[in-house]
Amino acid sequence: MIKVCCVCLFESGDLEMEPVVAMLLRFEENARWLSSHYEELKKRFKDEWIGVLNETVVDHDRELGRLVKRLRKKYSEAYNEIAVEYVTAKEIELIL
């Protein structure tokens, strides 16, 4: 679905496709790393929001708003590449 959006942006002339795709790929790599390391992250960052950039946890906080504010300030150039997720040992039930 994300790649479809990229194509639409590129075809409309709003953005060049290569930088957008590169940014999305880096985001996806960070999200994939977060997912594959979730079990060990649960032990270290229980009930916290974490930000992952370049396959490294760069910041964490119990409050999402504070975390986002710091990430935007410190990583403004790479902000769109940061994967953010709430880490908890509790099972979360999603209703879709």
N, C-alpha and C. Protein backbone atom coordinates (compact mmCIF):
# COMPACT_ATOMS: atom_id res chain seq x y z
N MET A 1 0.82 -1.19 0.00
CA MET A 1 0.00 0.00 0.00
C MET A 1 0.86 1.25 0.00
N ILE A 2 1.93 1.26 0.76
CA ILE A 2 2.80 2.44 0.82
C ILE A 2 3.44 2.68 -0.54
N LYS A 3 3.85 1.62 -1.21
CA LYS A 3 4.49 1.78 -2.50
C LYS A 3 3.53 2.37 -3.52
N VAL A 4 2.26 2.05 -3.42
CA VAL A 4 1.26 2.65 -4.31
C VAL A 4 1.22 4.15 -4.11
N CYS A 5 1.29 4.57 -2.85
CA CYS A 5 1.30 6.01 -2.56
C CYS A 5 2.50 6.67 -3.19
N CYS A 6 3.65 6.01 -3.14
CA CYS A 6 4.85 6.57 -3.73
C CYS A 6 4.68 6.77 -5.23
N VAL A 7 4.10 5.79 -5.87
CA VAL A 7 3.89 5.88 -7.31
C VAL A 7 2.96 7.05 -7.62
N CYS A 8 1.90 7.19 -6.82
CA CYS A 8 0.97 8.30 -7.04
C CYS A 8 1.67 9.64 -6.88
N LEU A 9 2.50 9.76 -5.85
CA LEU A 9 3.22 11.02 -5.64
C LEU A 9 4.16 11.29 -6.80
N PHE A 10 4.83 10.27 -7.26
CA PHE A 10 5.77 10.44 -8.36
C PHE A 10 5.05 10.81 -9.65
N GLU A 11 3.97 10.13 -9.94
CA GLU A 11 3.25 10.39 -11.18
C GLU A 11 2.61 11.77 -11.19
N SER A 12 2.22 12.28 -10.02
CA SER A 12 1.60 13.60 -9.99
C SER A 12 2.64 14.71 -10.09
N GLY A 13 3.92 14.33 -9.96
CA GLY A 13 4.97 15.33 -10.08
C GLY A 13 5.26 16.06 -8.78
N ASP A 14 4.63 15.66 -7.67
CA ASP A 14 4.86 16.34 -6.40
C ASP A 14 6.24 16.04 -5.82
N LEU A 15 6.68 14.80 -5.94
CA LEU A 15 7.96 14.39 -5.37
C LEU A 15 8.66 13.46 -6.34
N GLU A 16 9.99 13.47 -6.25
CA GLU A 16 10.74 12.48 -7.02
C GLU A 16 10.63 11.15 -6.29
N MET A 17 10.53 10.09 -7.03
CA MET A 17 10.26 8.79 -6.44
C MET A 17 11.46 8.23 -5.67
N GLU A 18 12.66 8.37 -6.18
CA GLU A 18 13.82 7.75 -5.56
C GLU A 18 14.02 8.15 -4.10
N PRO A 19 14.02 9.45 -3.74
CA PRO A 19 14.20 9.80 -2.33
C PRO A 19 13.07 9.30 -1.44
N VAL A 20 11.85 9.30 -1.94
CA VAL A 20 10.71 8.84 -1.16
C VAL A 20 10.82 7.34 -0.92
N VAL A 21 11.13 6.60 -1.94
CA VAL A 21 11.27 5.15 -1.80
C VAL A 21 12.43 4.82 -0.87
N ALA A 22 13.52 5.53 -0.99
CA ALA A 22 14.68 5.30 -0.11
C ALA A 22 14.31 5.55 1.34
N MET A 23 13.58 6.62 1.61
CA MET A 23 13.14 6.94 2.97
C MET A 23 12.21 5.85 3.50
N LEU A 24 11.27 5.41 2.68
CA LEU A 24 10.34 4.36 3.10
C LEU A 24 11.06 3.03 3.35
N LEU A 25 12.06 2.74 2.56
CA LEU A 25 12.83 1.50 2.76
C LEU A 25 13.60 1.55 4.08
N ARG A 26 14.17 2.73 4.41
CA ARG A 26 14.89 2.86 5.68
C ARG A 26 13.92 2.74 6.86
N PHE A 27 12.72 3.33 6.72
CA PHE A 27 11.70 3.18 7.76
C PHE A 27 11.34 1.71 7.92
N GLU A 28 11.12 1.03 6.80
CA GLU A 28 10.75 -0.38 6.84
C GLU A 28 11.83 -1.23 7.50
N GLU A 29 13.11 -0.92 7.22
CA GLU A 29 14.21 -1.65 7.85
C GLU A 29 14.19 -1.46 9.36
N ASN A 30 13.93 -0.23 9.81
CA ASN A 30 13.86 0.04 11.24
C ASN A 30 12.68 -0.67 11.89
N ALA A 31 11.54 -0.66 11.21
CA ALA A 31 10.35 -1.34 11.73
C ALA A 31 10.57 -2.85 11.78
N ARG A 32 11.22 -3.39 10.78
CA ARG A 32 11.50 -4.83 10.75
C ARG A 32 12.47 -5.21 11.88
N TRP A 33 13.49 -4.36 12.09
CA TRP A 33 14.45 -4.62 13.17
C TRP A 33 13.72 -4.59 14.52
N LEU A 34 12.86 -3.61 14.71
CA LEU A 34 12.10 -3.50 15.95
C LEU A 34 11.27 -4.76 16.18
N SER A 35 10.60 -5.19 15.16
CA SER A 35 9.75 -6.38 15.27
C SER A 35 10.57 -7.63 15.58
N SER A 36 11.70 -7.79 14.94
CA SER A 36 12.51 -8.99 15.15
C SER A 36 13.23 -9.00 16.49
N HIS A 37 13.37 -7.83 17.13
CA HIS A 37 14.03 -7.74 18.44
C HIS A 37 13.04 -7.45 19.57
N TYR A 38 11.76 -7.59 19.29
CA TYR A 38 10.73 -7.20 20.25
C TYR A 38 10.85 -7.92 21.59
N GLU A 39 11.14 -9.20 21.58
CA GLU A 39 11.23 -9.97 22.83
C GLU A 39 12.31 -9.42 23.75
N GLU A 40 13.47 -9.10 23.22
CA GLU A 40 14.53 -8.54 24.06
C GLU A 40 14.24 -7.09 24.44
N LEU A 41 13.56 -6.35 23.56
CA LEU A 41 13.19 -4.97 23.88
C LEU A 41 12.17 -4.91 25.00
N LYS A 42 11.29 -5.92 25.10
CA LYS A 42 10.30 -5.99 26.18
C LYS A 42 10.97 -6.00 27.55
N LYS A 43 12.10 -6.64 27.65
CA LYS A 43 12.81 -6.73 28.93
C LYS A 43 13.44 -5.39 29.32
N ARG A 44 13.87 -4.64 28.33
CA ARG A 44 14.60 -3.40 28.58
C ARG A 44 13.71 -2.16 28.64
N PHE A 45 12.62 -2.16 27.86
CA PHE A 45 11.78 -0.96 27.73
C PHE A 45 10.32 -1.28 28.02
N LYS A 46 10.06 -1.98 29.11
CA LYS A 46 8.71 -2.42 29.45
C LYS A 46 7.78 -1.22 29.62
N ASP A 47 6.66 -1.26 28.90
CA ASP A 47 5.62 -0.23 28.95
C ASP A 47 6.15 1.17 28.59
N GLU A 48 6.99 1.20 27.56
CA GLU A 48 7.52 2.46 27.07
C GLU A 48 7.40 2.53 25.55
N TRP A 49 7.35 3.73 25.03
CA TRP A 49 7.44 3.99 23.60
C TRP A 49 8.91 4.05 23.25
N ILE A 50 9.30 3.44 22.14
CA ILE A 50 10.69 3.51 21.70
C ILE A 50 10.76 4.02 20.27
N GLY A 51 11.86 4.68 19.96
CA GLY A 51 12.14 5.14 18.61
C GLY A 51 13.38 4.42 18.09
N VAL A 52 13.27 3.83 16.89
CA VAL A 52 14.37 3.08 16.30
C VAL A 52 14.80 3.75 15.01
N LEU A 53 16.08 4.05 14.93
CA LEU A 53 16.69 4.64 13.73
C LEU A 53 17.99 3.90 13.45
N ASN A 54 18.21 3.55 12.22
CA ASN A 54 19.41 2.81 11.82
C ASN A 54 19.57 1.53 12.66
N GLU A 55 18.43 0.87 12.89
CA GLU A 55 18.39 -0.39 13.62
C GLU A 55 18.97 -0.27 15.03
N THR A 56 18.74 0.89 15.66
CA THR A 56 19.20 1.17 17.01
C THR A 56 18.11 1.94 17.75
N VAL A 57 17.87 1.58 19.01
CA VAL A 57 16.94 2.37 19.82
C VAL A 57 17.65 3.69 20.14
N VAL A 58 17.09 4.79 19.65
CA VAL A 58 17.71 6.10 19.83
C VAL A 58 17.08 6.90 20.96
N ASP A 59 15.86 6.52 21.39
CA ASP A 59 15.21 7.22 22.49
C ASP A 59 14.01 6.39 22.96
N HIS A 60 13.57 6.66 24.18
CA HIS A 60 12.40 5.97 24.74
C HIS A 60 11.77 6.85 25.81
N ASP A 61 10.48 6.63 26.04
CA ASP A 61 9.76 7.41 27.05
C ASP A 61 8.44 6.73 27.35
N ARG A 62 7.91 6.96 28.51
CA ARG A 62 6.58 6.43 28.86
C ARG A 62 5.48 7.24 28.19
N GLU A 63 5.79 8.47 27.79
CA GLU A 63 4.80 9.32 27.14
C GLU A 63 5.18 9.56 25.68
N LEU A 64 4.27 9.21 24.79
CA LEU A 64 4.51 9.33 23.35
C LEU A 64 4.81 10.77 22.95
N GLY A 65 4.05 11.72 23.46
CA GLY A 65 4.24 13.12 23.09
C GLY A 65 5.63 13.64 23.38
N ARG A 66 6.16 13.29 24.53
CA ARG A 66 7.52 13.73 24.89
C ARG A 66 8.55 13.09 23.98
N LEU A 67 8.35 11.80 23.69
CA LEU A 67 9.29 11.10 22.81
C LEU A 67 9.29 11.73 21.42
N VAL A 68 8.13 11.94 20.86
CA VAL A 68 8.02 12.50 19.51
C VAL A 68 8.67 13.89 19.46
N LYS A 69 8.45 14.68 20.47
CA LYS A 69 9.03 16.03 20.50
C LYS A 69 10.56 15.97 20.46
N ARG A 70 11.13 15.07 21.26
CA ARG A 70 12.59 14.93 21.26
C ARG A 70 13.11 14.38 19.93
N LEU A 71 12.42 13.37 19.38
CA LEU A 71 12.86 12.79 18.11
C LEU A 71 12.83 13.82 17.00
N ARG A 72 11.77 14.62 16.95
CA ARG A 72 11.68 15.66 15.91
C ARG A 72 12.81 16.66 16.02
N LYS A 73 13.17 17.00 17.26
CA LYS A 73 14.22 17.99 17.48
C LYS A 73 15.60 17.41 17.17
N LYS A 74 15.88 16.24 17.69
CA LYS A 74 17.22 15.66 17.57
C LYS A 74 17.49 15.03 16.20
N TYR A 75 16.45 14.49 15.56
CA TYR A 75 16.63 13.76 14.29
C TYR A 75 15.75 14.37 13.20
N SER A 76 15.74 15.66 13.08
CA SER A 76 14.84 16.33 12.13
C SER A 76 15.08 15.88 10.68
N GLU A 77 16.30 15.61 10.32
CA GLU A 77 16.60 15.20 8.94
C GLU A 77 16.13 13.78 8.64
N ALA A 78 16.10 12.93 9.66
CA ALA A 78 15.76 11.53 9.45
C ALA A 78 14.46 11.14 10.17
N TYR A 79 13.69 12.12 10.59
CA TYR A 79 12.50 11.86 11.40
C TYR A 79 11.55 10.85 10.75
N ASN A 80 11.35 10.94 9.44
CA ASN A 80 10.42 10.06 8.74
C ASN A 80 10.91 8.62 8.64
N GLU A 81 12.15 8.38 9.00
CA GLU A 81 12.71 7.03 8.94
C GLU A 81 12.62 6.30 10.28
N ILE A 82 12.20 7.00 11.33
CA ILE A 82 12.18 6.44 12.67
C ILE A 82 10.92 5.61 12.87
N ALA A 83 11.12 4.36 13.29
CA ALA A 83 10.00 3.49 13.65
C ALA A 83 9.73 3.70 15.14
N VAL A 84 8.46 3.97 15.48
CA VAL A 84 8.07 4.19 16.87
C VAL A 84 7.02 3.16 17.23
N GLU A 85 7.21 2.54 18.40
CA GLU A 85 6.25 1.53 18.83
C GLU A 85 6.22 1.48 20.36
N TYR A 86 5.04 1.12 20.87
CA TYR A 86 4.86 0.92 22.30
C TYR A 86 5.27 -0.51 22.63
N VAL A 87 6.16 -0.66 23.59
CA VAL A 87 6.68 -1.97 23.97
C VAL A 87 6.04 -2.38 25.29
N THR A 88 5.35 -3.50 25.27
CA THR A 88 4.70 -3.99 26.48
C THR A 88 4.73 -5.51 26.50
N ALA A 89 4.78 -6.05 27.71
CA ALA A 89 4.74 -7.50 27.85
C ALA A 89 3.29 -8.00 27.83
N LYS A 90 2.36 -7.08 28.01
CA LYS A 90 0.94 -7.45 28.03
C LYS A 90 0.48 -7.73 26.60
N GLU A 91 -0.41 -8.67 26.50
CA GLU A 91 -1.03 -8.98 25.20
C GLU A 91 -2.04 -7.87 24.87
N ILE A 92 -1.95 -7.33 23.68
CA ILE A 92 -2.86 -6.27 23.26
C ILE A 92 -3.84 -6.85 22.26
N GLU A 93 -5.11 -6.66 22.53
CA GLU A 93 -6.14 -7.15 21.64
C GLU A 93 -6.59 -6.02 20.72
N LEU A 94 -6.53 -6.25 19.44
CA LEU A 94 -6.93 -5.26 18.46
C LEU A 94 -8.29 -5.62 17.87
N ILE A 95 -9.14 -4.64 17.79
CA ILE A 95 -10.44 -4.83 17.16
C ILE A 95 -10.42 -4.08 15.84
N LEU A 96 -10.53 -4.80 14.76
CA LEU A 96 -10.44 -4.18 13.44
C LEU A 96 -11.78 -4.16 12.76
